[in-house]
Amino acid sequence: MERGAIGTHLKNQPDEWKIEQGMHAARLPILDQTGPDPEGRAIPPEEYVPFKDEAAIRSVGDPNKLFTEEREGWEGYIEWEEYTDKKAKAHKILTSQNFPPPPEFQLGPIPGTNPVLEGVRWKMWHRAIGGALNTIADISWDTVMKEKHPEMLHLLQFPYNGEPPKRLVTAKPVTPNPLHFVRNHGGIPNIDRNKYRLDMDGLVARPQSFTLDDLMDESKFPRMEKLVTIQCSGTRRVEQIALYAGEGDEMINAPWAEGAIGTARWVGVSLKKVIKACGGLVGEGKHLELYGADTYFKKNNVMNYVVSVPWSKVKANEVMLAWEMNGEPLPKIHGYPLRVVVFGYIGARSVKWLYRIKAIEDPSMAPVQSQEYLYFNTQIGKHNQRMTDGIQIQEMPVSSAIMSPWSKQVVIHNGKIHCKGWAYSGGGRWPERVELSADGGFSWYTVPVENMSEKHRYAWRTWEMDLPCDVEGWIEIVCRCWDNSLNTQPLQVRAAWNWGLHVTSSAHRISIYSVNKTHEITRKRLAEFDERGVPFGPLTVPTEWQVQSWDDYRGYFEKNGPRDAETEYNSRDMED
C-alpha cells in the first residue's frame, strides 16, 4: 500500500480480508490521524532493503585475529568487557551493514514448525563478527541434540530456547535434566574443567581466582544442596501475545508457553562463603555483578552476558555457585562447569558459564540488567518507552498453570474433569493452596493437599485433581494459586499485560468443550458414534446422520404446543 489517504488504494491485497480482520496485522499501515484529512494518512510498514559496506568492514581487520578465544580450553568464549576497542570494532562491523527484521510471530500466526523460530538475525550477527563466533550456532545446536530430550519444543534454534511439551512438564516433581527448559542468550561455550577458573574482584578485600577443585573442597567451602525452581519471566507469554502484541524480538520475547519453568536439585557453594574467603566486601560494595562466557548482542553492540544481584540476596545464602544438577555434573547447555542459581529470582539472574564475579556499588549498568527484563505500565510501549519506566524484575510473583487438559480440547467425562499442573511463588515463598474453577472463576474448588507435591521454600508444587463439572459445551477452566503470604494471581491476563510481555502472572485460563456422559442424551449420542465407527472429532465436523427421529420431533410439538404462539387459522382473519 502506498503512503497516502487510507481509502485511496485501488486494489485489494491478495489477503485483504485477513488484513482487515487483523489476522495479518503486521501488514496493516500505520494510521496517522494528526493531519487535516479526517480519514487519516496511511504509513506503510518498513521494508527491509539490505546494504553492506564491504570496505568499512575490511578496515576493521581480520576477525580471526581480533575475535579469538580469550583462554586456553574455553572454546566459544570471547572476552568483551575488558576491551573497549574490541567492542568498538565489533560495533563498526555491525553498523556497516544491516540485517533482516525479526520474524513476525505476534501480529500473524506463529509458525507450526519445530524449531518454531530459527534465529536468523542472531546467527547472522555471530557470523558477521566471525572469529570464535563463526561456527558457534552450529556447535550449540549439536549440543542441544546431544543433551536435550528428543520431544523438546524448540522455540528458538539459536540462541537456544526450548521447553518440554505439556504432557512432560509436571510428569515428575523434579524435572529430569534433558527436559529442563533452556533459555540461552548466546552460543554455548565448551569449557575444559581442568582449565576453568573463577575470578572474584571489585570491591572485595582480597581479589582471588578459584579453580573448580577449590570451590569443591569442603575443607574450604561448606557444600550446599537445594531443590530450586527456575522460571523464565517469559513463561506463559503466548497468553499475552494472544491478547495484544508487544515487543517482538524473537530471542528476548520468544513465544514461551507454560513449560518455561523447571525444578532441579542443585549442588554447589554459597556465594556468600566465596566472598568471605576474599575478606568480605569493602567500601560501598552492595551488589555482585555476574559475568557469563556467552556473547550477547544488543542494539549493534557486543558484550558478555552480565547481570547483578544485591548483597542482601547473597547474605541470605540464596545465591549458589552450582556444579551439579540432579546428581550429575552440569550439562553444557545448562552452564558447565559452573553456573549461578539465584533462589526465587527471575531465571535471567542465574548466569551460566560463570567466569567472573565483581563486587560493585550499584546494580549493574549492563544491558541485560538495565535495558531488559523490565516490567512496564500498560500505557508504555514503542511510542514512549524509557528504561526508567520499567521495574527491574527480580523476585518472581505467584503463578500457576494447567498442563492437562489443553486449551480448545474436547473432554468426555463422567461429571469430573481430571486436571493437572504446577504452582510456584518466588522470593522464598511457596504455594500454599491451589484452586480450580470450571465456570470462569465464579466458584472455586481447592486441590486436596494430598494431591500436591511436597512443600519446599524455593520450589514449585505439582498438583492434580478431579474438577466437578456438570455443565456441557464450551467452558472455561481457571487455575489460581495462593502462596504462604496470601499473595494470589490477578484473574485476567489484561491485568498482567506489559510491553515486554514479561511475567504472565494472571490466573491461567483454558477453554475446553465439555461432554458429560452422565447425561442420558449425551451418553446415547456418543454410543451412536461408536456404533457407526465414526470418530467424535474434530468437533466442528457436522454429524452426517439424522440426530432425531421425525416421530420424536413431531411428538415433542404435539405435547408442548407449536413453535409460535397464536398461530391457529380462522377465516375471519382474512376480513381485516
Protein backbone atom coordinates (compact mmCIF):
# COMPACT_ATOMS: atom_id res chain seq x y z
CA MET A 1 0.00 0.00 0.00
CA GLU A 2 1.37 3.40 -0.95
CA ARG A 3 1.66 6.26 1.51
CA GLY A 4 -1.47 8.43 1.34
CA ALA A 5 -5.05 8.67 2.48
CA ILE A 6 -6.32 5.43 3.96
CA GLY A 7 -9.02 4.91 1.32
CA THR A 8 -7.07 5.82 -1.81
CA HIS A 9 -5.56 2.46 -2.76
CA LEU A 10 -7.47 0.96 -5.66
CA LYS A 11 -6.64 -2.73 -5.43
CA ASN A 12 -7.18 -5.23 -2.68
CA GLN A 13 -4.21 -7.14 -1.35
CA PRO A 14 -4.43 -10.93 -2.01
CA ASP A 15 -5.09 -11.40 1.72
CA GLU A 16 -7.19 -8.23 2.13
CA TRP A 17 -9.83 -9.95 4.26
CA LYS A 18 -7.23 -11.21 6.73
CA ILE A 19 -5.53 -7.81 6.83
CA GLU A 20 -8.83 -6.06 7.52
CA GLN A 21 -9.73 -8.52 10.24
CA GLY A 22 -6.38 -8.15 11.99
CA MET A 23 -5.24 -11.69 11.14
CA HIS A 24 -2.26 -10.31 9.19
CA ALA A 25 -1.95 -7.20 11.31
CA ALA A 26 1.76 -6.76 10.64
CA ARG A 27 0.78 -5.68 7.13
CA LEU A 28 -1.63 -3.04 8.33
CA PRO A 29 -0.46 0.50 7.59
CA ILE A 30 0.02 2.89 10.48
CA LEU A 31 -2.94 5.27 10.50
CA ASP A 32 -1.87 8.86 11.19
CA GLN A 33 -4.89 10.98 12.08
CA THR A 34 -2.99 14.07 13.21
CA GLY A 35 -3.20 15.79 9.80
CA PRO A 36 -6.01 17.68 8.06
CA ASP A 37 -7.58 14.60 6.43
CA PRO A 38 -10.19 13.24 8.89
CA GLU A 39 -9.72 9.72 7.47
CA GLY A 40 -6.03 9.84 8.26
CA ARG A 41 -2.88 9.10 6.34
CA ALA A 42 -1.61 5.57 5.76
CA ILE A 43 2.07 4.99 6.56
CA PRO A 44 3.17 1.60 5.21
CA PRO A 45 5.28 -0.80 7.31
CA GLU A 46 9.05 -0.68 6.95
CA GLU A 47 10.54 -2.76 4.16
CA TYR A 48 13.92 -4.42 4.52
CA VAL A 49 16.45 -3.24 1.95
CA PRO A 50 19.84 -4.88 2.59
CA PHE A 51 23.09 -2.95 2.44
CA LYS A 52 26.70 -3.77 3.27
CA ASP A 53 29.78 -1.53 3.28
CA GLU A 54 32.45 -4.09 2.49
CA ALA A 55 35.28 -1.54 2.63
CA ALA A 56 34.31 -0.36 6.10
CA ILE A 57 34.10 -3.94 7.33
CA ARG A 58 37.51 -4.84 5.87
CA SER A 59 39.05 -1.77 7.52
CA VAL A 60 38.32 -3.26 10.94
CA GLY A 61 40.85 -6.04 10.42
CA ASP A 62 40.98 -9.81 10.38
CA PRO A 63 38.21 -11.21 12.63
CA ASN A 64 40.14 -14.44 13.08
CA LYS A 65 42.82 -12.42 14.86
CA LEU A 66 40.61 -9.84 16.56
CA PHE A 67 37.92 -12.10 17.98
CA THR A 68 39.73 -15.16 19.25
CA GLU A 69 39.17 -17.26 22.37
CA GLU A 70 40.40 -15.49 25.49
CA ARG A 71 41.53 -18.53 27.47
CA GLU A 72 43.00 -21.87 26.61
CA GLY A 73 40.41 -24.62 26.85
CA TRP A 74 37.50 -22.14 26.63
CA GLU A 75 36.05 -22.69 23.15
CA GLY A 76 33.49 -20.12 22.09
CA TYR A 77 34.37 -17.61 24.83
CA ILE A 78 35.45 -14.12 23.82
CA GLU A 79 36.17 -11.55 26.49
CA TRP A 80 34.42 -8.29 25.66
CA GLU A 81 34.08 -6.43 28.94
CA GLU A 82 37.80 -5.73 29.36
CA TYR A 83 38.37 -4.44 25.82
CA THR A 84 36.52 -1.31 24.74
CA ASP A 85 38.46 -1.21 21.47
CA LYS A 86 37.32 -4.74 20.62
CA LYS A 87 33.73 -3.73 21.32
CA ALA A 88 34.14 -0.66 19.09
CA LYS A 89 35.42 -2.77 16.19
CA ALA A 90 32.54 -5.21 16.53
CA HIS A 91 30.14 -2.27 16.61
CA LYS A 92 31.61 -0.92 13.38
CA ILE A 93 31.16 -4.29 11.67
CA LEU A 94 27.52 -4.44 12.72
CA THR A 95 26.68 -0.85 11.76
CA SER A 96 28.42 -1.12 8.36
CA GLN A 97 25.64 -3.44 7.22
CA ASN A 98 22.07 -4.17 8.10
CA PHE A 99 20.19 -7.32 8.95
CA PRO A 100 16.62 -8.50 8.38
CA PRO A 101 13.97 -7.58 10.93
CA PRO A 102 12.78 -10.20 13.40
CA PRO A 103 10.24 -12.68 12.09
CA GLU A 104 6.64 -11.79 12.73
CA PHE A 105 5.11 -14.15 15.27
CA GLN A 106 2.74 -11.85 17.16
CA LEU A 107 0.66 -9.97 14.58
CA GLY A 108 0.42 -13.09 12.47
CA PRO A 109 0.35 -16.85 13.02
CA ILE A 110 3.15 -18.48 14.99
CA PRO A 111 4.96 -20.93 12.66
CA GLY A 112 3.91 -24.55 13.07
CA THR A 113 7.48 -25.86 12.93
CA ASN A 114 9.96 -27.28 15.45
CA PRO A 115 12.13 -25.23 15.86
CA VAL A 116 9.37 -22.64 15.86
CA LEU A 117 11.80 -19.81 15.07
CA GLU A 118 15.30 -20.12 13.65
CA GLY A 119 17.04 -17.02 14.99
CA VAL A 120 18.27 -15.90 11.57
CA ARG A 121 19.36 -12.44 12.74
CA TRP A 122 21.22 -13.84 15.73
CA LYS A 123 23.07 -16.33 13.57
CA MET A 124 23.95 -13.56 11.12
CA TRP A 125 25.25 -11.30 13.91
CA HIS A 126 27.55 -14.02 15.23
CA ARG A 127 28.83 -14.85 11.75
CA ALA A 128 29.29 -11.18 10.91
CA ILE A 129 31.69 -10.84 13.85
CA GLY A 130 33.37 -14.10 12.88
CA GLY A 131 36.42 -15.44 14.65
CA ALA A 132 35.45 -17.71 17.54
CA LEU A 133 31.78 -16.94 16.90
CA ASN A 134 31.73 -18.09 13.30
CA THR A 135 30.53 -21.63 13.97
CA ILE A 136 29.08 -21.24 17.47
CA ALA A 137 25.47 -21.53 16.22
CA ASP A 138 26.10 -24.94 14.66
CA ILE A 139 28.11 -26.16 17.65
CA SER A 140 25.34 -25.02 20.01
CA TRP A 141 22.67 -26.89 18.05
CA ASP A 142 24.78 -30.05 18.16
CA THR A 143 24.84 -29.69 21.96
CA VAL A 144 21.05 -29.33 22.03
CA MET A 145 20.69 -32.54 20.05
CA LYS A 146 23.03 -34.41 22.39
CA GLU A 147 21.77 -33.17 25.74
CA LYS A 148 18.06 -32.44 25.43
CA HIS A 149 15.10 -34.81 25.21
CA PRO A 150 14.00 -35.60 21.63
CA GLU A 151 10.49 -34.37 22.46
CA MET A 152 11.63 -30.87 23.44
CA LEU A 153 9.79 -27.97 21.82
CA HIS A 154 12.45 -25.74 20.28
CA LEU A 155 11.03 -22.23 20.41
CA LEU A 156 14.22 -20.71 19.05
CA GLN A 157 17.04 -22.65 17.44
CA PHE A 158 19.71 -20.03 18.18
CA PRO A 159 20.35 -18.78 20.77
CA TYR A 160 18.65 -21.90 22.03
CA ASN A 161 15.31 -21.51 23.80
CA GLY A 162 13.33 -24.66 24.46
CA GLU A 163 10.69 -26.12 26.77
CA PRO A 164 9.24 -29.59 27.28
CA PRO A 165 5.78 -30.47 25.92
CA LYS A 166 2.92 -30.03 28.37
CA ARG A 167 2.48 -33.75 28.95
CA LEU A 168 6.04 -33.94 30.34
CA VAL A 169 6.34 -30.63 32.25
CA THR A 170 4.91 -32.00 35.50
CA ALA A 171 5.37 -35.70 34.86
CA LYS A 172 7.78 -35.66 37.82
CA PRO A 173 8.08 -33.16 40.71
CA VAL A 174 11.81 -32.88 39.92
CA THR A 175 12.46 -32.08 36.27
CA PRO A 176 14.88 -34.51 34.56
CA ASN A 177 17.87 -32.67 33.09
CA PRO A 178 17.01 -33.46 29.45
CA LEU A 179 13.53 -31.95 29.98
CA HIS A 180 14.51 -28.86 31.94
CA PHE A 181 13.72 -25.72 29.95
CA VAL A 182 16.62 -23.77 28.46
CA ARG A 183 16.72 -20.04 27.92
CA ASN A 184 20.11 -19.11 26.44
CA HIS A 185 21.15 -15.65 25.30
CA GLY A 186 24.12 -16.66 23.15
CA GLY A 187 26.13 -19.62 21.96
CA ILE A 188 27.12 -22.50 24.23
CA PRO A 189 30.81 -22.36 25.22
CA ASN A 190 32.80 -25.58 25.55
CA ILE A 191 34.93 -25.15 28.68
CA ASP A 192 37.57 -27.63 29.85
CA ARG A 193 37.01 -28.32 33.53
CA ASN A 194 40.74 -28.54 34.16
CA LYS A 195 41.28 -25.11 32.60
CA TYR A 196 38.44 -23.48 34.47
CA ARG A 197 38.87 -20.59 36.88
CA LEU A 198 36.52 -18.12 38.51
CA ASP A 199 37.78 -14.59 39.17
CA MET A 200 36.42 -12.66 42.16
CA ASP A 201 37.34 -8.96 42.16
CA GLY A 202 35.99 -5.45 42.54
CA LEU A 203 35.10 -4.17 45.99
CA VAL A 204 36.42 -7.13 47.96
CA ALA A 205 39.32 -7.07 50.41
CA ARG A 206 41.37 -9.76 48.64
CA PRO A 207 40.56 -10.40 44.96
CA GLN A 208 41.20 -14.06 44.10
CA SER A 209 40.82 -16.72 41.45
CA PHE A 210 39.35 -20.14 42.19
CA THR A 211 39.54 -23.41 40.30
CA LEU A 212 36.58 -25.74 40.33
CA ASP A 213 38.53 -28.02 42.68
CA ASP A 214 39.00 -25.08 45.06
CA LEU A 215 35.27 -24.46 45.20
CA MET A 216 34.51 -28.17 45.63
CA ASP A 217 36.96 -28.51 48.54
CA GLU A 218 34.69 -28.98 51.54
CA SER A 219 37.51 -28.06 53.93
CA LYS A 220 37.34 -24.55 52.42
CA PHE A 221 33.69 -24.17 51.48
CA PRO A 222 30.75 -25.97 53.06
CA ARG A 223 28.71 -27.64 50.37
CA MET A 224 25.05 -26.74 49.91
CA GLU A 225 22.25 -28.64 48.23
CA LYS A 226 18.83 -27.18 47.41
CA LEU A 227 15.74 -28.06 45.44
CA VAL A 228 15.15 -24.90 43.43
CA THR A 229 12.70 -23.94 40.72
CA ILE A 230 13.98 -21.65 37.98
CA GLN A 231 11.36 -19.80 35.98
CA CYS A 232 11.79 -17.63 32.92
CA SER A 233 10.00 -14.29 33.05
CA GLY A 234 8.54 -15.21 29.66
CA THR A 235 6.61 -18.21 30.99
CA ARG A 236 3.07 -18.23 29.51
CA ARG A 237 3.96 -15.30 27.21
CA VAL A 238 1.73 -16.74 24.47
CA GLU A 239 -1.29 -15.62 26.50
CA GLN A 240 -0.16 -12.01 26.42
CA ILE A 241 0.65 -12.28 22.71
CA ALA A 242 -2.82 -13.70 22.03
CA LEU A 243 -4.35 -10.67 23.73
CA TYR A 244 -2.13 -7.84 22.46
CA ALA A 245 1.18 -7.76 20.62
CA GLY A 246 4.21 -6.33 22.41
CA GLU A 247 7.93 -6.03 21.77
CA GLY A 248 8.79 -8.65 19.18
CA ASP A 249 12.45 -9.69 19.30
CA GLU A 250 12.49 -13.42 18.61
CA MET A 251 15.04 -14.11 21.36
CA ILE A 252 14.22 -11.54 24.04
CA ASN A 253 10.48 -12.14 23.60
CA ALA A 254 10.37 -15.77 22.49
CA PRO A 255 6.80 -17.18 22.45
CA TRP A 256 7.06 -19.26 25.61
CA ALA A 257 4.13 -21.36 26.82
CA GLU A 258 3.71 -22.97 30.25
CA GLY A 259 6.90 -25.06 30.14
CA ALA A 260 9.48 -22.29 30.71
CA ILE A 261 9.90 -23.46 34.29
CA GLY A 262 11.80 -26.35 35.81
CA THR A 263 12.85 -27.74 39.17
CA ALA A 264 16.17 -29.39 39.92
CA ARG A 265 18.29 -30.41 42.88
CA TRP A 266 21.39 -28.23 42.71
CA VAL A 267 24.70 -28.78 44.50
CA GLY A 268 27.36 -26.11 44.96
CA VAL A 269 28.57 -23.46 47.39
CA SER A 270 27.01 -20.29 48.69
CA LEU A 271 28.39 -17.17 47.02
CA LYS A 272 28.45 -15.62 50.49
CA LYS A 273 31.17 -18.12 51.53
CA VAL A 274 33.28 -17.28 48.47
CA ILE A 275 33.06 -13.58 49.25
CA LYS A 276 34.04 -14.36 52.85
CA ALA A 277 37.13 -16.16 51.52
CA CYS A 278 38.01 -12.91 49.73
CA GLY A 279 37.87 -10.97 53.01
CA GLY A 280 34.35 -9.66 52.50
CA LEU A 281 33.10 -6.56 50.74
CA VAL A 282 34.84 -3.22 51.16
CA GLY A 283 33.88 0.40 50.58
CA GLU A 284 30.42 0.82 49.09
CA GLY A 285 30.16 -2.71 47.74
CA LYS A 286 26.47 -3.65 47.80
CA HIS A 287 25.91 -5.60 44.58
CA LEU A 288 27.55 -8.56 42.89
CA GLU A 289 27.99 -8.41 39.13
CA LEU A 290 27.93 -11.84 37.49
CA TYR A 291 29.69 -12.49 34.16
CA GLY A 292 28.81 -15.29 31.74
CA ALA A 293 31.12 -16.50 28.97
CA ASP A 294 28.45 -16.37 26.26
CA THR A 295 28.42 -13.47 23.79
CA TYR A 296 25.36 -11.24 23.71
CA PHE A 297 24.14 -8.66 21.20
CA LYS A 298 22.10 -5.55 21.94
CA LYS A 299 21.44 -2.56 19.63
CA ASN A 300 24.51 -3.24 17.43
CA ASN A 301 26.75 -3.67 20.48
CA VAL A 302 28.52 -6.85 21.54
CA MET A 303 29.15 -7.89 25.14
CA ASN A 304 29.34 -10.76 27.58
CA TYR A 305 26.21 -11.74 29.44
CA VAL A 306 26.30 -9.65 32.62
CA VAL A 307 23.71 -9.06 35.37
CA SER A 308 23.82 -8.36 39.11
CA VAL A 309 22.18 -9.35 42.38
CA PRO A 310 22.11 -7.34 45.62
CA TRP A 311 24.25 -8.23 48.62
CA SER A 312 21.08 -8.75 50.68
CA LYS A 313 20.23 -11.73 48.49
CA VAL A 314 23.75 -13.13 48.80
CA LYS A 315 23.84 -12.55 52.56
CA ALA A 316 20.72 -14.69 52.93
CA ASN A 317 22.60 -17.63 51.33
CA GLU A 318 20.18 -17.52 48.40
CA VAL A 319 22.80 -17.34 45.65
CA MET A 320 24.56 -20.62 44.84
CA LEU A 321 27.51 -21.35 42.59
CA ALA A 322 26.42 -24.75 41.29
CA TRP A 323 28.34 -27.51 39.52
CA GLU A 324 25.82 -30.34 39.91
CA MET A 325 22.25 -30.72 38.64
CA ASN A 326 20.12 -33.65 39.77
CA GLY A 327 23.11 -35.73 40.81
CA GLU A 328 25.08 -35.15 37.61
CA PRO A 329 27.70 -32.62 36.51
CA LEU A 330 26.06 -29.61 34.92
CA PRO A 331 25.16 -30.28 31.29
CA LYS A 332 26.98 -27.95 28.89
CA ILE A 333 23.69 -26.39 27.86
CA HIS A 334 22.94 -25.52 31.50
CA GLY A 335 26.25 -23.81 32.23
CA TYR A 336 29.02 -26.40 32.65
CA PRO A 337 31.28 -26.30 34.55
CA LEU A 338 29.85 -23.63 36.91
CA ARG A 339 26.71 -21.53 36.95
CA VAL A 340 24.77 -19.31 39.31
CA VAL A 341 21.43 -20.35 40.81
CA VAL A 342 19.56 -17.45 42.42
CA PHE A 343 16.74 -18.78 44.58
CA GLY A 344 13.33 -17.26 43.87
CA TYR A 345 14.56 -14.76 41.27
CA ILE A 346 13.88 -14.44 37.59
CA GLY A 347 15.89 -17.05 35.68
CA ALA A 348 17.87 -14.34 33.85
CA ARG A 349 19.91 -13.70 37.02
CA SER A 350 21.10 -17.33 37.21
CA VAL A 351 24.11 -16.80 34.96
CA LYS A 352 25.55 -19.80 33.12
CA TRP A 353 29.23 -20.42 32.26
CA LEU A 354 30.22 -18.12 35.11
CA TYR A 355 33.77 -16.78 34.85
CA ARG A 356 33.83 -13.61 36.93
CA ILE A 357 32.11 -12.02 39.90
CA LYS A 358 32.72 -8.34 40.57
CA ALA A 359 31.60 -6.52 43.71
CA ILE A 360 30.18 -3.11 42.77
CA GLU A 361 28.34 -0.20 44.40
CA ASP A 362 25.10 -0.12 42.40
CA PRO A 363 23.09 -2.52 40.24
CA SER A 364 24.88 -3.39 37.01
CA MET A 365 24.55 -0.99 34.09
CA ALA A 366 24.95 -3.92 31.68
CA PRO A 367 22.10 -4.00 29.12
CA VAL A 368 20.55 -7.25 30.36
CA GLN A 369 20.11 -5.66 33.78
CA SER A 370 19.32 -2.06 32.83
CA GLN A 371 17.59 -2.34 29.44
CA GLU A 372 15.84 -5.70 29.54
CA TYR A 373 13.62 -7.69 31.88
CA LEU A 374 11.72 -4.54 32.76
CA TYR A 375 8.06 -4.57 33.78
CA PHE A 376 6.20 -1.61 32.27
CA ASN A 377 2.86 0.05 32.88
CA THR A 378 0.27 -0.91 30.26
CA GLN A 379 0.46 2.54 28.63
CA ILE A 380 4.20 2.22 27.97
CA GLY A 381 5.22 0.95 24.54
CA LYS A 382 7.24 1.62 21.43
CA HIS A 383 5.94 5.20 21.29
CA ASN A 384 7.20 6.33 24.71
CA GLN A 385 9.35 3.61 26.31
CA ARG A 386 12.19 4.60 28.64
CA MET A 387 14.27 2.22 30.69
CA THR A 388 13.37 4.01 33.92
CA ASP A 389 9.67 3.45 33.24
CA GLY A 390 10.14 -0.26 33.91
CA ILE A 391 10.65 -2.12 37.17
CA GLN A 392 13.70 -4.40 37.05
CA ILE A 393 12.28 -7.88 37.54
CA GLN A 394 13.91 -9.80 40.39
CA GLU A 395 11.62 -11.93 42.58
CA MET A 396 9.03 -13.89 40.65
CA PRO A 397 5.40 -13.45 41.70
CA VAL A 398 2.95 -16.23 42.45
CA SER A 399 1.89 -18.13 39.33
CA SER A 400 0.33 -21.40 38.21
CA ALA A 401 -0.63 -23.26 35.06
CA ILE A 402 -2.84 -26.10 33.86
CA MET A 403 -0.89 -28.78 32.00
CA SER A 404 -3.87 -31.01 31.25
CA PRO A 405 -6.32 -30.77 29.60
CA TRP A 406 -5.23 -28.46 26.78
CA SER A 407 -7.00 -25.34 25.62
CA LYS A 408 -9.66 -25.94 22.93
CA GLN A 409 -9.63 -29.67 23.72
CA VAL A 410 -12.81 -31.76 23.78
CA VAL A 411 -13.06 -33.64 27.09
CA ILE A 412 -15.51 -36.51 27.53
CA HIS A 413 -16.01 -37.16 31.23
CA ASN A 414 -18.35 -38.55 33.89
CA GLY A 415 -19.04 -35.34 35.76
CA LYS A 416 -15.44 -34.65 36.75
CA ILE A 417 -12.57 -33.40 34.61
CA HIS A 418 -9.13 -34.61 35.60
CA CYS A 419 -6.72 -31.66 35.67
CA LYS A 420 -3.03 -31.38 36.49
CA GLY A 421 -0.46 -28.61 36.56
CA TRP A 422 2.06 -26.63 38.60
CA ALA A 423 2.09 -23.70 41.02
CA TYR A 424 5.02 -21.54 42.10
CA SER A 425 5.90 -18.41 44.02
CA GLY A 426 9.32 -16.76 44.11
CA GLY A 427 11.19 -14.85 46.79
CA GLY A 428 11.32 -17.75 49.25
CA ARG A 429 7.53 -18.15 49.31
CA TRP A 430 5.73 -21.33 48.35
CA PRO A 431 2.31 -22.42 47.05
CA GLU A 432 0.01 -22.98 50.00
CA ARG A 433 -3.24 -23.55 48.13
CA VAL A 434 -4.23 -24.19 44.51
CA GLU A 435 -7.79 -23.62 43.33
CA LEU A 436 -9.66 -24.56 40.17
CA SER A 437 -12.86 -23.22 38.67
CA ALA A 438 -14.96 -24.73 35.90
CA ASP A 439 -17.13 -21.64 35.43
CA GLY A 440 -14.60 -18.97 34.50
CA GLY A 441 -13.67 -18.06 38.06
CA PHE A 442 -17.03 -17.64 39.82
CA SER A 443 -16.83 -20.70 42.07
CA TRP A 444 -13.62 -22.39 43.17
CA TYR A 445 -12.58 -25.87 44.28
CA THR A 446 -9.44 -26.42 46.35
CA VAL A 447 -6.94 -29.01 45.17
CA PRO A 448 -6.68 -31.57 48.01
CA VAL A 449 -3.37 -31.21 49.78
CA GLU A 450 -2.69 -34.91 49.29
CA ASN A 451 -2.81 -34.27 45.54
CA MET A 452 0.02 -31.74 45.70
CA SER A 453 3.75 -32.46 45.71
CA GLU A 454 5.85 -31.80 48.78
CA LYS A 455 6.27 -28.25 50.03
CA HIS A 456 9.68 -26.56 49.57
CA ARG A 457 10.71 -22.97 50.19
CA TYR A 458 12.27 -22.39 46.78
CA ALA A 459 10.40 -24.87 44.59
CA TRP A 460 7.13 -25.34 42.79
CA ARG A 461 4.38 -27.77 43.73
CA THR A 462 2.84 -30.02 41.12
CA TRP A 463 -0.83 -30.88 41.56
CA GLU A 464 -3.76 -32.80 40.12
CA MET A 465 -7.46 -33.13 40.89
CA ASP A 466 -10.83 -34.24 39.53
CA LEU A 467 -12.71 -30.99 38.94
CA PRO A 468 -16.50 -31.29 39.34
CA CYS A 469 -18.26 -30.22 36.15
CA ASP A 470 -21.90 -30.86 35.28
CA VAL A 471 -22.02 -28.25 32.50
CA GLU A 472 -21.67 -29.21 28.84
CA GLY A 473 -20.40 -27.24 25.85
CA TRP A 474 -17.69 -24.63 25.95
CA ILE A 475 -16.47 -23.89 29.47
CA GLU A 476 -13.51 -22.02 30.89
CA ILE A 477 -11.33 -23.75 33.47
CA VAL A 478 -9.31 -21.38 35.61
CA CYS A 479 -6.41 -22.09 37.95
CA ARG A 480 -5.00 -19.81 40.63
CA CYS A 481 -2.54 -20.18 43.47
CA TRP A 482 -2.28 -18.66 46.94
CA ASP A 483 1.20 -18.58 48.46
CA ASN A 484 2.07 -18.64 52.16
CA SER A 485 1.94 -14.83 52.29
CA LEU A 486 -1.61 -14.93 50.85
CA ASN A 487 -0.47 -13.45 47.56
CA THR A 488 -2.62 -14.62 44.68
CA GLN A 489 -2.97 -14.04 40.94
CA PRO A 490 -4.96 -11.37 39.09
CA LEU A 491 -7.88 -13.05 37.35
CA GLN A 492 -7.41 -11.60 33.86
CA VAL A 493 -4.34 -11.60 31.60
CA ARG A 494 -5.12 -7.97 30.74
CA ALA A 495 -4.01 -7.09 34.26
CA ALA A 496 -0.62 -8.69 33.60
CA TRP A 497 -0.02 -7.43 30.05
CA ASN A 498 3.06 -5.25 29.54
CA TRP A 499 5.12 -4.11 26.56
CA GLY A 500 7.96 -6.54 27.28
CA LEU A 501 5.45 -9.41 27.63
CA HIS A 502 7.11 -10.49 30.89
CA VAL A 503 5.67 -12.22 33.97
CA THR A 504 2.27 -13.55 32.88
CA SER A 505 1.17 -13.94 36.49
CA SER A 506 -2.59 -13.88 35.89
CA ALA A 507 -4.77 -16.87 36.66
CA HIS A 508 -4.34 -19.47 33.94
CA ARG A 509 -7.42 -19.94 31.75
CA ILE A 510 -8.19 -22.65 29.24
CA SER A 511 -11.33 -23.13 27.15
CA ILE A 512 -12.45 -26.71 26.72
CA TYR A 513 -15.51 -28.38 25.24
CA SER A 514 -17.21 -30.38 27.98
CA VAL A 515 -19.05 -33.60 27.05
CA ASN A 516 -20.64 -35.13 30.17
CA LYS A 517 -21.54 -38.82 29.79
CA THR A 518 -23.63 -38.79 32.95
CA HIS A 519 -26.30 -37.03 30.86
CA GLU A 520 -28.53 -39.61 29.12
CA ILE A 521 -28.82 -37.84 25.75
CA THR A 522 -25.04 -37.35 25.59
CA ARG A 523 -24.38 -40.97 26.50
CA LYS A 524 -26.70 -42.20 23.77
CA ARG A 525 -25.24 -39.85 21.15
CA LEU A 526 -21.69 -40.99 21.89
CA ALA A 527 -22.88 -44.59 21.60
CA GLU A 528 -24.19 -43.75 18.11
CA PHE A 529 -20.76 -42.55 17.08
CA ASP A 530 -19.20 -45.74 18.43
CA GLU A 531 -21.74 -47.98 16.70
CA ARG A 532 -21.18 -46.27 13.36
CA GLY A 533 -17.40 -46.30 13.77
CA VAL A 534 -17.27 -42.52 13.32
CA PRO A 535 -14.78 -40.51 15.42
CA PHE A 536 -16.34 -37.75 17.51
CA GLY A 537 -13.60 -35.31 16.49
CA PRO A 538 -12.86 -32.90 15.05
CA LEU A 539 -15.60 -31.14 16.97
CA THR A 540 -16.56 -28.83 14.09
CA VAL A 541 -17.28 -31.62 11.57
CA PRO A 542 -21.09 -31.83 11.14
CA THR A 543 -22.89 -35.02 12.14
CA GLU A 544 -23.85 -36.72 8.88
CA TRP A 545 -26.95 -38.61 10.06
CA GLN A 546 -30.35 -37.65 11.38
CA VAL A 547 -29.84 -36.76 15.05
CA GLN A 548 -33.54 -37.03 15.97
CA SER A 549 -36.33 -39.17 14.52
CA TRP A 550 -39.26 -37.43 12.89
CA ASP A 551 -41.64 -39.28 15.20
CA ASP A 552 -39.81 -37.88 18.19
CA TYR A 553 -39.73 -34.42 16.60
CA ARG A 554 -43.48 -34.39 15.91
CA GLY A 555 -44.25 -35.89 19.28
CA TYR A 556 -42.43 -33.08 21.01
CA PHE A 557 -44.55 -30.36 19.40
CA GLU A 558 -47.77 -32.32 19.87
CA LYS A 559 -47.01 -32.46 23.58
CA ASN A 560 -45.58 -28.97 24.04
CA GLY A 561 -47.51 -26.91 21.53
CA PRO A 562 -46.38 -25.24 18.31
CA ARG A 563 -43.20 -23.19 17.85
CA ASP A 564 -45.10 -19.90 17.66
CA ALA A 565 -47.92 -18.56 19.83
CA GLU A 566 -51.43 -17.88 18.49
CA THR A 567 -50.93 -19.49 15.10
CA GLU A 568 -54.38 -21.13 14.62
CA TYR A 569 -56.09 -20.06 11.38
CA ASN A 570 -59.55 -18.54 11.42
CA SER A 571 -61.38 -17.49 8.25
CA ARG A 572 -62.29 -14.20 9.87
CA ASP A 573 -58.58 -13.32 9.90
CA MET A 574 -58.99 -12.57 6.17
CA GLU A 575 -61.64 -9.90 6.83
CA ASP A 576 -59.15 -7.33 8.14
